[in-house]
Amino acid sequence: MKVAFVVPALRLSGGVNVILQYVRRLPAYGIQAVILLTEPVTQAPWDFELPEALDVRSIEDAADECFDVAIATWWYTVFDLARVRAQRRAFFVQSLEDRMYPALRLRRVTPSA
């Protein structure tokens, strides 16, 4: 299986770090993970060393490739999914779970005066 994570750039952020964790761990399950950048690289890609085996390309460089799944990772990368040849497309939601599932909301307790 071949999965593409569509990201704007590899700038230091919590969201990109989560995606990198997936990309690092998926090969242990036989899944090839690729990061496709939607923005031109204008600065050093990351402030610390990336794993050597990390497959990072521009979205244009992957135009002729077909993926099993292409995943948008930020709200505006959804528009770039149409540029990726894939059997399935998905959106990776990075948010607090209680925003997605109201049943998980914790009751807020206010102290008595």
PDB file of N, CA and C in Angstrom:
ATOM      1  N   MET A   1       0.849  -1.173   0.000  1.00  0.00           N
ATOM      2  CA  MET A   1       0.000   0.000   0.000  1.00  0.00           C
ATOM      3  C   MET A   1       0.893   1.233   0.000  1.00  0.00           C
ATOM      4  N   LYS A   2       0.447   2.242  -0.724  1.00  0.00           N
ATOM      5  CA  LYS A   2       1.216   3.467  -0.867  1.00  0.00           C
ATOM      6  C   LYS A   2       0.331   4.653  -0.470  1.00  0.00           C
ATOM      7  N   VAL A   3       0.791   5.415   0.523  1.00  0.00           N
ATOM      8  CA  VAL A   3       0.022   6.524   1.076  1.00  0.00           C
ATOM      9  C   VAL A   3       0.785   7.821   0.880  1.00  0.00           C
ATOM     10  N   ALA A   4       0.068   8.867   0.457  1.00  0.00           N
ATOM     11  CA  ALA A   4       0.667  10.194   0.302  1.00  0.00           C
ATOM     12  C   ALA A   4       0.041  11.146   1.315  1.00  0.00           C
ATOM     13  N   PHE A   5       0.881  11.800   2.090  1.00  0.00           N
ATOM     14  CA  PHE A   5       0.437  12.856   3.006  1.00  0.00           C
ATOM     15  C   PHE A   5       0.732  14.188   2.331  1.00  0.00           C
ATOM     16  N   VAL A   6      -0.300  14.974   2.079  1.00  0.00           N
ATOM     17  CA  VAL A   6      -0.152  16.260   1.400  1.00  0.00           C
ATOM     18  C   VAL A   6      -0.002  17.348   2.460  1.00  0.00           C
ATOM     19  N   VAL A   7       1.168  17.983   2.478  1.00  0.00           N
ATOM     20  CA  VAL A   7       1.454  19.039   3.461  1.00  0.00           C
ATOM     21  C   VAL A   7       1.951  20.284   2.733  1.00  0.00           C
ATOM     22  N   PRO A   8       1.712  21.461   3.318  1.00  0.00           N
ATOM     23  CA  PRO A   8       2.209  22.675   2.678  1.00  0.00           C
ATOM     24  C   PRO A   8       3.742  22.705   2.625  1.00  0.00           C
ATOM     25  N   ALA A   9       4.378  22.427   3.755  1.00  0.00           N
ATOM     26  CA  ALA A   9       5.835  22.494   3.857  1.00  0.00           C
ATOM     27  C   ALA A   9       6.262  21.735   5.106  1.00  0.00           C
ATOM     28  N   LEU A  10       7.536  21.466   5.212  1.00  0.00           N
ATOM     29  CA  LEU A  10       8.068  20.807   6.413  1.00  0.00           C
ATOM     30  C   LEU A  10       8.628  21.851   7.370  1.00  0.00           C
ATOM     31  N   ARG A  11       7.752  22.698   7.841  1.00  0.00           N
ATOM     32  CA  ARG A  11       8.154  23.674   8.854  1.00  0.00           C
ATOM     33  C   ARG A  11       7.807  23.105  10.230  1.00  0.00           C
ATOM     34  N   LEU A  12       8.588  23.467  11.188  1.00  0.00           N
ATOM     35  CA  LEU A  12       8.400  22.965  12.541  1.00  0.00           C
ATOM     36  C   LEU A  12       7.026  23.346  13.082  1.00  0.00           C
ATOM     37  N   SER A  13       6.223  22.331  13.374  1.00  0.00           N
ATOM     38  CA  SER A  13       4.914  22.528  13.990  1.00  0.00           C
ATOM     39  C   SER A  13       4.470  21.206  14.574  1.00  0.00           C
ATOM     40  N   GLY A  14       3.548  21.270  15.505  1.00  0.00           N
ATOM     41  CA  GLY A  14       3.030  20.045  16.108  1.00  0.00           C
ATOM     42  C   GLY A  14       2.324  19.167  15.096  1.00  0.00           C
ATOM     43  N   GLY A  15       1.581  19.783  14.167  1.00  0.00           N
ATOM     44  CA  GLY A  15       0.857  19.018  13.162  1.00  0.00           C
ATOM     45  C   GLY A  15       1.787  18.263  12.232  1.00  0.00           C
ATOM     46  N   VAL A  16       2.836  18.926  11.781  1.00  0.00           N
ATOM     47  CA  VAL A  16       3.796  18.270  10.896  1.00  0.00           C
ATOM     48  C   VAL A  16       4.527  17.169  11.664  1.00  0.00           C
ATOM     49  N   ASN A  17       4.804  17.395  12.924  1.00  0.00           N
ATOM     50  CA  ASN A  17       5.470  16.370  13.725  1.00  0.00           C
ATOM     51  C   ASN A  17       4.603  15.110  13.828  1.00  0.00           C
ATOM     52  N   VAL A  18       3.300  15.266  13.972  1.00  0.00           N
ATOM     53  CA  VAL A  18       2.400  14.106  14.027  1.00  0.00           C
ATOM     54  C   VAL A  18       2.459  13.339  12.711  1.00  0.00           C
ATOM     55  N   ILE A  19       2.437  14.059  11.601  1.00  0.00           N
ATOM     56  CA  ILE A  19       2.501  13.423  10.286  1.00  0.00           C
ATOM     57  C   ILE A  19       3.829  12.676  10.127  1.00  0.00           C
ATOM     58  N   LEU A  20       4.921  13.289  10.568  1.00  0.00           N
ATOM     59  CA  LEU A  20       6.224  12.619  10.493  1.00  0.00           C
ATOM     60  C   LEU A  20       6.235  11.334  11.308  1.00  0.00           C
ATOM     61  N   GLN A  21       5.545  11.321  12.446  1.00  0.00           N
ATOM     62  CA  GLN A  21       5.471  10.097  13.247  1.00  0.00           C
ATOM     63  C   GLN A  21       4.767   8.991  12.465  1.00  0.00           C
ATOM     64  N   TYR A  22       3.678   9.333  11.785  1.00  0.00           N
ATOM     65  CA  TYR A  22       2.996   8.333  10.957  1.00  0.00           C
ATOM     66  C   TYR A  22       3.914   7.830   9.849  1.00  0.00           C
ATOM     67  N   VAL A  23       4.561   8.749   9.167  1.00  0.00           N
ATOM     68  CA  VAL A  23       5.438   8.389   8.050  1.00  0.00           C
ATOM     69  C   VAL A  23       6.586   7.499   8.521  1.00  0.00           C
ATOM     70  N   ARG A  24       7.084   7.752   9.711  1.00  0.00           N
ATOM     71  CA  ARG A  24       8.173   6.931  10.257  1.00  0.00           C
ATOM     72  C   ARG A  24       7.703   5.532  10.643  1.00  0.00           C
ATOM     73  N   ARG A  25       6.469   5.415  11.117  1.00  0.00           N
ATOM     74  CA  ARG A  25       5.991   4.142  11.665  1.00  0.00           C
ATOM     75  C   ARG A  25       5.278   3.243  10.662  1.00  0.00           C
ATOM     76  N   LEU A  26       4.682   3.800   9.620  1.00  0.00           N
ATOM     77  CA  LEU A  26       3.906   2.997   8.668  1.00  0.00           C
ATOM     78  C   LEU A  26       4.719   1.924   7.948  1.00  0.00           C
ATOM     79  N   PRO A  27       5.988   2.164   7.604  1.00  0.00           N
ATOM     80  CA  PRO A  27       6.745   1.098   6.935  1.00  0.00           C
ATOM     81  C   PRO A  27       6.830  -0.209   7.736  1.00  0.00           C
ATOM     82  N   ALA A  28       6.749  -0.147   9.042  1.00  0.00           N
ATOM     83  CA  ALA A  28       6.771  -1.368   9.860  1.00  0.00           C
ATOM     84  C   ALA A  28       5.554  -2.248   9.571  1.00  0.00           C
ATOM     85  N   TYR A  29       4.519  -1.672   8.972  1.00  0.00           N
ATOM     86  CA  TYR A  29       3.299  -2.403   8.617  1.00  0.00           C
ATOM     87  C   TYR A  29       3.214  -2.658   7.107  1.00  0.00           C
ATOM     88  N   GLY A  30       4.332  -2.449   6.415  1.00  0.00           N
ATOM     89  CA  GLY A  30       4.368  -2.696   4.988  1.00  0.00           C
ATOM     90  C   GLY A  30       3.749  -1.599   4.146  1.00  0.00           C
ATOM     91  N   ILE A  31       3.588  -0.429   4.713  1.00  0.00           N
ATOM     92  CA  ILE A  31       2.968   0.691   4.008  1.00  0.00           C
ATOM     93  C   ILE A  31       4.040   1.704   3.631  1.00  0.00           C
ATOM     94  N   GLN A  32       4.106   2.027   2.343  1.00  0.00           N
ATOM     95  CA  GLN A  32       5.036   3.050   1.869  1.00  0.00           C
ATOM     96  C   GLN A  32       4.369   4.406   2.046  1.00  0.00           C
ATOM     97  N   ALA A  33       5.012   5.295   2.790  1.00  0.00           N
ATOM     98  CA  ALA A  33       4.457   6.623   3.049  1.00  0.00           C
ATOM     99  C   ALA A  33       5.323   7.684   2.385  1.00  0.00           C
ATOM    100  N   VAL A  34       4.673   8.611   1.705  1.00  0.00           N
ATOM    101  CA  VAL A  34       5.343   9.681   0.983  1.00  0.00           C
ATOM    102  C   VAL A  34       4.763  11.005   1.456  1.00  0.00           C
ATOM    103  N   ILE A  35       5.620  12.009   1.599  1.00  0.00           N
ATOM    104  CA  ILE A  35       5.154  13.354   1.914  1.00  0.00           C
ATOM    105  C   ILE A  35       5.227  14.173   0.635  1.00  0.00           C
ATOM    106  N   LEU A  36       4.093  14.773   0.261  1.00  0.00           N
ATOM    107  CA  LEU A  36       4.037  15.624  -0.925  1.00  0.00           C
ATOM    108  C   LEU A  36       3.874  17.076  -0.483  1.00  0.00           C
ATOM    109  N   LEU A  37       4.815  17.911  -0.886  1.00  0.00           N
ATOM    110  CA  LEU A  37       4.797  19.325  -0.510  1.00  0.00           C
ATOM    111  C   LEU A  37       4.039  20.138  -1.554  1.00  0.00           C
ATOM    112  N   THR A  38       3.158  21.013  -1.088  1.00  0.00           N
ATOM    113  CA  THR A  38       2.388  21.849  -2.010  1.00  0.00           C
ATOM    114  C   THR A  38       3.054  23.199  -2.252  1.00  0.00           C
ATOM    115  N   GLU A  39       3.928  23.614  -1.358  1.00  0.00           N
ATOM    116  CA  GLU A  39       4.608  24.905  -1.487  1.00  0.00           C
ATOM    117  C   GLU A  39       6.059  24.684  -1.901  1.00  0.00           C
ATOM    118  N   PRO A  40       6.620  25.627  -2.660  1.00  0.00           N
ATOM    119  CA  PRO A  40       8.042  25.509  -2.994  1.00  0.00           C
ATOM    120  C   PRO A  40       8.891  25.604  -1.724  1.00  0.00           C
ATOM    121  N   VAL A  41       9.993  24.904  -1.722  1.00  0.00           N
ATOM    122  CA  VAL A  41      10.896  24.937  -0.574  1.00  0.00           C
ATOM    123  C   VAL A  41      11.685  26.244  -0.639  1.00  0.00           C
ATOM    124  N   THR A  42      11.451  27.115   0.355  1.00  0.00           N
ATOM    125  CA  THR A  42      12.124  28.416   0.377  1.00  0.00           C
ATOM    126  C   THR A  42      13.033  28.567   1.588  1.00  0.00           C
ATOM    127  N   GLN A  43      13.014  27.574   2.468  1.00  0.00           N
ATOM    128  CA  GLN A  43      13.862  27.615   3.658  1.00  0.00           C
ATOM    129  C   GLN A  43      14.281  26.196   3.989  1.00  0.00           C
ATOM    130  N   ALA A  44      15.209  26.071   4.925  1.00  0.00           N
ATOM    131  CA  ALA A  44      15.624  24.737   5.360  1.00  0.00           C
ATOM    132  C   ALA A  44      14.373  23.967   5.778  1.00  0.00           C
ATOM    133  N   PRO A  45      14.243  22.701   5.350  1.00  0.00           N
ATOM    134  CA  PRO A  45      12.999  21.979   5.584  1.00  0.00           C
ATOM    135  C   PRO A  45      12.671  21.679   7.037  1.00  0.00           C
ATOM    136  N   TRP A  46      13.653  21.576   7.880  1.00  0.00           N
ATOM    137  CA  TRP A  46      13.366  21.180   9.265  1.00  0.00           C
ATOM    138  C   TRP A  46      14.553  21.604  10.104  1.00  0.00           C
ATOM    139  N   ASP A  47      14.322  21.938  11.338  1.00  0.00           N
ATOM    140  CA  ASP A  47      15.395  22.420  12.200  1.00  0.00           C
ATOM    141  C   ASP A  47      16.247  21.310  12.806  1.00  0.00           C
ATOM    142  N   PHE A  48      15.842  20.071  12.593  1.00  0.00           N
ATOM    143  CA  PHE A  48      16.649  18.954  13.080  1.00  0.00           C
ATOM    144  C   PHE A  48      16.675  17.880  12.015  1.00  0.00           C
ATOM    145  N   GLU A  49      17.501  16.891  12.217  1.00  0.00           N
ATOM    146  CA  GLU A  49      17.740  15.878  11.194  1.00  0.00           C
ATOM    147  C   GLU A  49      16.502  15.027  10.929  1.00  0.00           C
ATOM    148  N   LEU A  50      16.161  14.915   9.662  1.00  0.00           N
ATOM    149  CA  LEU A  50      15.067  14.047   9.248  1.00  0.00           C
ATOM    150  C   LEU A  50      15.612  12.638   9.010  1.00  0.00           C
ATOM    151  N   PRO A  51      14.791  11.621   9.190  1.00  0.00           N
ATOM    152  CA  PRO A  51      15.254  10.269   8.885  1.00  0.00           C
ATOM    153  C   PRO A  51      15.700  10.177   7.430  1.00  0.00           C
ATOM    154  N   GLU A  52      16.764   9.459   7.177  1.00  0.00           N
ATOM    155  CA  GLU A  52      17.311   9.355   5.818  1.00  0.00           C
ATOM    156  C   GLU A  52      16.316   8.750   4.832  1.00  0.00           C
ATOM    157  N   ALA A  53      15.537   7.805   5.273  1.00  0.00           N
ATOM    158  CA  ALA A  53      14.632   7.096   4.372  1.00  0.00           C
ATOM    159  C   ALA A  53      13.347   7.859   4.091  1.00  0.00           C
ATOM    160  N   LEU A  54      13.181   9.024   4.659  1.00  0.00           N
ATOM    161  CA  LEU A  54      11.956   9.800   4.472  1.00  0.00           C
ATOM    162  C   LEU A  54      11.815  10.217   3.013  1.00  0.00           C
ATOM    163  N   ASP A  55      10.678   9.906   2.420  1.00  0.00           N
ATOM    164  CA  ASP A  55      10.417  10.207   1.008  1.00  0.00           C
ATOM    165  C   ASP A  55       9.613  11.504   0.939  1.00  0.00           C
ATOM    166  N   VAL A  56      10.280  12.600   0.587  1.00  0.00           N
ATOM    167  CA  VAL A  56       9.648  13.920   0.495  1.00  0.00           C
ATOM    168  C   VAL A  56       9.824  14.433  -0.919  1.00  0.00           C
ATOM    169  N   ARG A  57       8.725  14.836  -1.542  1.00  0.00           N
ATOM    170  CA  ARG A  57       8.756  15.348  -2.914  1.00  0.00           C
ATOM    171  C   ARG A  57       7.775  16.494  -3.057  1.00  0.00           C
ATOM    172  N   SER A  58       7.932  17.228  -4.136  1.00  0.00           N
ATOM    173  CA  SER A  58       6.916  18.223  -4.453  1.00  0.00           C
ATOM    174  C   SER A  58       5.717  17.491  -5.042  1.00  0.00           C
ATOM    175  N   ILE A  59       4.574  18.102  -4.931  1.00  0.00           N
ATOM    176  CA  ILE A  59       3.361  17.478  -5.472  1.00  0.00           C
ATOM    177  C   ILE A  59       3.471  17.339  -6.998  1.00  0.00           C
ATOM    178  N   GLU A  60       4.195  18.257  -7.623  1.00  0.00           N
ATOM    179  CA  GLU A  60       4.404  18.188  -9.072  1.00  0.00           C
ATOM    180  C   GLU A  60       5.256  16.977  -9.454  1.00  0.00           C
ATOM    181  N   ASP A  61       6.247  16.650  -8.632  1.00  0.00           N
ATOM    182  CA  ASP A  61       7.126  15.517  -8.923  1.00  0.00           C
ATOM    183  C   ASP A  61       6.400  14.176  -8.849  1.00  0.00           C
ATOM    184  N   ALA A  62       5.256  14.142  -8.190  1.00  0.00           N
ATOM    185  CA  ALA A  62       4.494  12.895  -8.050  1.00  0.00           C
ATOM    186  C   ALA A  62       3.296  12.852  -9.003  1.00  0.00           C
ATOM    187  N   ALA A  63       3.258  13.745  -9.977  1.00  0.00           N
ATOM    188  CA  ALA A  63       2.094  13.860 -10.866  1.00  0.00           C
ATOM    189  C   ALA A  63       1.783  12.571 -11.615  1.00  0.00           C
ATOM    190  N   ASP A  64       2.797  11.789 -11.968  1.00  0.00           N
ATOM    191  CA  ASP A  64       2.573  10.564 -12.735  1.00  0.00           C
ATOM    192  C   ASP A  64       2.387   9.324 -11.866  1.00  0.00           C
ATOM    193  N   GLU A  65       2.473   9.501 -10.572  1.00  0.00           N
ATOM    194  CA  GLU A  65       2.384   8.372  -9.650  1.00  0.00           C
ATOM    195  C   GLU A  65       0.950   8.178  -9.177  1.00  0.00           C
ATOM    196  N   CYS A  66       0.583   6.944  -8.884  1.00  0.00           N
ATOM    197  CA  CYS A  66      -0.746   6.674  -8.339  1.00  0.00           C
ATOM    198  C   CYS A  66      -0.587   6.101  -6.927  1.00  0.00           C
ATOM    199  N   PHE A  67      -1.336   6.658  -5.999  1.00  0.00           N
ATOM    200  CA  PHE A  67      -1.296   6.237  -4.603  1.00  0.00           C
ATOM    201  C   PHE A  67      -2.583   5.499  -4.260  1.00  0.00           C
ATOM    202  N   ASP A  68      -2.493   4.619  -3.275  1.00  0.00           N
ATOM    203  CA  ASP A  68      -3.708   3.961  -2.794  1.00  0.00           C
ATOM    204  C   ASP A  68      -4.579   4.957  -2.037  1.00  0.00           C
ATOM    205  N   VAL A  69      -3.917   5.802  -1.237  1.00  0.00           N
ATOM    206  CA  VAL A  69      -4.626   6.816  -0.445  1.00  0.00           C
ATOM    207  C   VAL A  69      -3.818   8.108  -0.470  1.00  0.00           C
ATOM    208  N   ALA A  70      -4.506   9.226  -0.682  1.00  0.00           N
ATOM    209  CA  ALA A  70      -3.893  10.545  -0.550  1.00  0.00           C
ATOM    210  C   ALA A  70      -4.633  11.257   0.575  1.00  0.00           C
ATOM    211  N   ILE A  71      -3.857  11.830   1.505  1.00  0.00           N
ATOM    212  CA  ILE A  71      -4.450  12.423   2.703  1.00  0.00           C
ATOM    213  C   ILE A  71      -4.085  13.901   2.795  1.00  0.00           C
ATOM    214  N   ALA A  72      -5.107  14.750   2.812  1.00  0.00           N
ATOM    215  CA  ALA A  72      -4.891  16.173   3.069  1.00  0.00           C
ATOM    216  C   ALA A  72      -4.644  16.311   4.564  1.00  0.00           C
ATOM    217  N   THR A  73      -3.726  17.196   4.937  1.00  0.00           N
ATOM    218  CA  THR A  73      -3.364  17.294   6.348  1.00  0.00           C
ATOM    219  C   THR A  73      -3.671  18.643   6.965  1.00  0.00           C
ATOM    220  N   TRP A  74      -4.198  19.531   6.174  1.00  0.00           N
ATOM    221  CA  TRP A  74      -4.559  20.846   6.692  1.00  0.00           C
ATOM    222  C   TRP A  74      -5.701  21.347   5.854  1.00  0.00           C
ATOM    223  N   TRP A  75      -6.483  22.280   6.360  1.00  0.00           N
ATOM    224  CA  TRP A  75      -7.701  22.655   5.639  1.00  0.00           C
ATOM    225  C   TRP A  75      -7.429  23.080   4.206  1.00  0.00           C
ATOM    226  N   TYR A  76      -6.375  23.815   3.941  1.00  0.00           N
ATOM    227  CA  TYR A  76      -6.197  24.244   2.560  1.00  0.00           C
ATOM    228  C   TYR A  76      -5.464  23.236   1.683  1.00  0.00           C
ATOM    229  N   THR A  77      -4.943  22.159   2.261  1.00  0.00           N
ATOM    230  CA  THR A  77      -4.366  21.121   1.407  1.00  0.00           C
ATOM    231  C   THR A  77      -5.454  20.238   0.791  1.00  0.00           C
ATOM    232  N   VAL A  78      -6.685  20.374   1.256  1.00  0.00           N
ATOM    233  CA  VAL A  78      -7.807  19.635   0.655  1.00  0.00           C
ATOM    234  C   VAL A  78      -7.918  19.981  -0.828  1.00  0.00           C
ATOM    235  N   PHE A  79      -7.684  21.241  -1.167  1.00  0.00           N
ATOM    236  CA  PHE A  79      -7.803  21.670  -2.553  1.00  0.00           C
ATOM    237  C   PHE A  79      -6.724  21.051  -3.439  1.00  0.00           C
ATOM    238  N   ASP A  80      -5.619  20.636  -2.848  1.00  0.00           N
ATOM    239  CA  ASP A  80      -4.535  20.012  -3.608  1.00  0.00           C
ATOM    240  C   ASP A  80      -4.759  18.521  -3.848  1.00  0.00           C
ATOM    241  N   LEU A  81      -5.711  17.919  -3.152  1.00  0.00           N
ATOM    242  CA  LEU A  81      -5.963  16.486  -3.343  1.00  0.00           C
ATOM    243  C   LEU A  81      -6.316  16.157  -4.791  1.00  0.00           C
ATOM    244  N   ALA A  82      -6.974  17.063  -5.477  1.00  0.00           N
ATOM    245  CA  ALA A  82      -7.341  16.822  -6.873  1.00  0.00           C
ATOM    246  C   ALA A  82      -6.109  16.713  -7.766  1.00  0.00           C
ATOM    247  N   ARG A  83      -4.981  17.212  -7.310  1.00  0.00           N
ATOM    248  CA  ARG A  83      -3.735  17.157  -8.082  1.00  0.00           C
ATOM    249  C   ARG A  83      -2.984  15.839  -7.871  1.00  0.00           C
ATOM    250  N   VAL A  84      -3.460  15.009  -6.958  1.00  0.00           N
ATOM    251  CA  VAL A  84      -2.789  13.748  -6.631  1.00  0.00           C
ATOM    252  C   VAL A  84      -3.627  12.593  -7.172  1.00  0.00           C
ATOM    253  N   ARG A  85      -3.003  11.732  -7.958  1.00  0.00           N
ATOM    254  CA  ARG A  85      -3.695  10.538  -8.453  1.00  0.00           C
ATOM    255  C   ARG A  85      -3.754   9.532  -7.312  1.00  0.00           C
ATOM    256  N   ALA A  86      -4.991   9.174  -6.924  1.00  0.00           N
ATOM    257  CA  ALA A  86      -5.170   8.242  -5.814  1.00  0.00           C
ATOM    258  C   ALA A  86      -6.496   7.508  -5.948  1.00  0.00           C
ATOM    259  N   GLN A  87      -6.512   6.280  -5.448  1.00  0.00           N
ATOM    260  CA  GLN A  87      -7.749   5.501  -5.462  1.00  0.00           C
ATOM    261  C   GLN A  87      -8.745   6.042  -4.437  1.00  0.00           C
ATOM    262  N   ARG A  88      -8.209   6.544  -3.330  1.00  0.00           N
ATOM    263  CA  ARG A  88      -9.054   7.128  -2.281  1.00  0.00           C
ATOM    264  C   ARG A  88      -8.408   8.396  -1.766  1.00  0.00           C
ATOM    265  N   ARG A  89      -9.245   9.291  -1.282  1.00  0.00           N
ATOM    266  CA  ARG A  89      -8.759  10.544  -0.698  1.00  0.00           C
ATOM    267  C   ARG A  89      -9.375  10.702   0.680  1.00  0.00           C
ATOM    268  N   ALA A  90      -8.604  11.308   1.576  1.00  0.00           N
ATOM    269  CA  ALA A  90      -9.076  11.488   2.949  1.00  0.00           C
ATOM    270  C   ALA A  90      -8.549  12.806   3.497  1.00  0.00           C
ATOM    271  N   PHE A  91      -9.115  13.213   4.620  1.00  0.00           N
ATOM    272  CA  PHE A  91      -8.679  14.418   5.316  1.00  0.00           C
ATOM    273  C   PHE A  91      -8.269  14.009   6.718  1.00  0.00           C
ATOM    274  N   PHE A  92      -7.048  14.325   7.078  1.00  0.00           N
ATOM    275  CA  PHE A  92      -6.502  13.994   8.391  1.00  0.00           C
ATOM    276  C   PHE A  92      -6.875  15.127   9.350  1.00  0.00           C
ATOM    277  N   VAL A  93      -7.799  14.870  10.257  1.00  0.00           N
ATOM    278  CA  VAL A  93      -8.272  15.894  11.188  1.00  0.00           C
ATOM    279  C   VAL A  93      -7.326  15.966  12.374  1.00  0.00           C
ATOM    280  N   GLN A  94      -6.773  17.143  12.581  1.00  0.00           N
ATOM    281  CA  GLN A  94      -5.920  17.370  13.743  1.00  0.00           C
ATOM    282  C   GLN A  94      -6.587  18.446  14.595  1.00  0.00           C
ATOM    283  N   SER A  95      -7.316  17.993  15.565  1.00  0.00           N
ATOM    284  CA  SER A  95      -8.061  18.917  16.409  1.00  0.00           C
ATOM    285  C   SER A  95      -8.327  18.225  17.740  1.00  0.00           C
ATOM    286  N   LEU A  96      -8.858  18.969  18.657  1.00  0.00           N
ATOM    287  CA  LEU A  96      -9.268  18.364  19.917  1.00  0.00           C
ATOM    288  C   LEU A  96     -10.469  17.461  19.651  1.00  0.00           C
ATOM    289  N   GLU A  97     -10.421  16.259  20.173  1.00  0.00           N
ATOM    290  CA  GLU A  97     -11.466  15.290  19.882  1.00  0.00           C
ATOM    291  C   GLU A  97     -12.849  15.774  20.280  1.00  0.00           C
ATOM    292  N   ASP A  98     -12.952  16.568  21.331  1.00  0.00           N
ATOM    293  CA  ASP A  98     -14.289  16.982  21.758  1.00  0.00           C
ATOM    294  C   ASP A  98     -14.943  17.949  20.768  1.00  0.00           C
ATOM    295  N   ARG A  99     -14.174  18.505  19.837  1.00  0.00           N
ATOM    296  CA  ARG A  99     -14.774  19.323  18.782  1.00  0.00           C
ATOM    297  C   ARG A  99     -15.484  18.445  17.758  1.00  0.00           C
ATOM    298  N   MET A 100     -15.025  17.206  17.610  1.00  0.00           N
ATOM    299  CA  MET A 100     -15.594  16.308  16.612  1.00  0.00           C
ATOM    300  C   MET A 100     -16.705  15.433  17.184  1.00  0.00           C
ATOM    301  N   TYR A 101     -16.597  15.116  18.463  1.00  0.00           N
ATOM    302  CA  TYR A 101     -17.542  14.211  19.099  1.00  0.00           C
ATOM    303  C   TYR A 101     -18.091  14.863  20.371  1.00  0.00           C
ATOM    304  N   PRO A 102     -19.214  15.555  20.263  1.00  0.00           N
ATOM    305  CA  PRO A 102     -19.768  16.271  21.432  1.00  0.00           C
ATOM    306  C   PRO A 102     -19.977  15.373  22.647  1.00  0.00           C
ATOM    307  N   ALA A 103     -20.223  14.070  22.448  1.00  0.00           N
ATOM    308  CA  ALA A 103     -20.443  13.176  23.582  1.00  0.00           C
ATOM    309  C   ALA A 103     -19.202  13.060  24.464  1.00  0.00           C
ATOM    310  N   LEU A 104     -18.030  13.398  23.920  1.00  0.00           N
ATOM    311  CA  LEU A 104     -16.797  13.306  24.693  1.00  0.00           C
ATOM    312  C   LEU A 104     -16.515  14.563  25.530  1.00  0.00           C
ATOM    313  N   ARG A 105     -17.332  15.594  25.345  1.00  0.00           N
ATOM    314  CA  ARG A 105     -17.070  16.833  26.078  1.00  0.00           C
ATOM    315  C   ARG A 105     -17.153  16.597  27.579  1.00  0.00           C
ATOM    316  N   LEU A 106     -16.175  17.096  28.253  1.00  0.00           N
ATOM    317  CA  LEU A 106     -16.171  16.976  29.709  1.00  0.00           C
ATOM    318  C   LEU A 106     -17.034  18.082  30.305  1.00  0.00           C
ATOM    319  N   ARG A 107     -17.708  17.743  31.360  1.00  0.00           N
ATOM    320  CA  ARG A 107     -18.480  18.789  32.049  1.00  0.00           C
ATOM    321  C   ARG A 107     -17.496  19.689  32.767  1.00  0.00           C
ATOM    322  N   ARG A 108     -17.671  20.958  32.576  1.00  0.00           N
ATOM    323  CA  ARG A 108     -16.797  21.906  33.261  1.00  0.00           C
ATOM    324  C   ARG A 108     -17.366  22.186  34.647  1.00  0.00           C
ATOM    325  N   VAL A 109     -16.522  22.069  35.599  1.00  0.00           N
ATOM    326  CA  VAL A 109     -16.953  22.296  36.992  1.00  0.00           C
ATOM    327  C   VAL A 109     -16.484  23.681  37.406  1.00  0.00           C
ATOM    328  N   THR A 110     -17.405  24.485  37.830  1.00  0.00           N
ATOM    329  CA  THR A 110     -17.027  25.812  38.323  1.00  0.00           C
ATOM    330  C   THR A 110     -17.042  25.779  39.834  1.00  0.00           C
ATOM    331  N   PRO A 111     -16.008  26.302  40.440  1.00  0.00           N
ATOM    332  CA  PRO A 111     -15.931  26.285  41.912  1.00  0.00           C
ATOM    333  C   PRO A 111     -17.053  27.117  42.526  1.00  0.00           C
ATOM    334  N   SER A 112     -17.551  26.639  43.650  1.00  0.00           N
ATOM    335  CA  SER A 112     -18.592  27.386  44.380  1.00  0.00           C
ATOM    336  C   SER A 112     -17.962  28.576  45.061  1.00  0.00           C
ATOM    337  N   ALA A 113     -18.700  29.657  45.118  1.00  0.00           N
ATOM    338  CA  ALA A 113     -18.173  30.867  45.772  1.00  0.00           C
ATOM    339  C   ALA A 113     -18.310  30.788  47.266  1.00  0.00           C
TER     340      ALA A 113
END
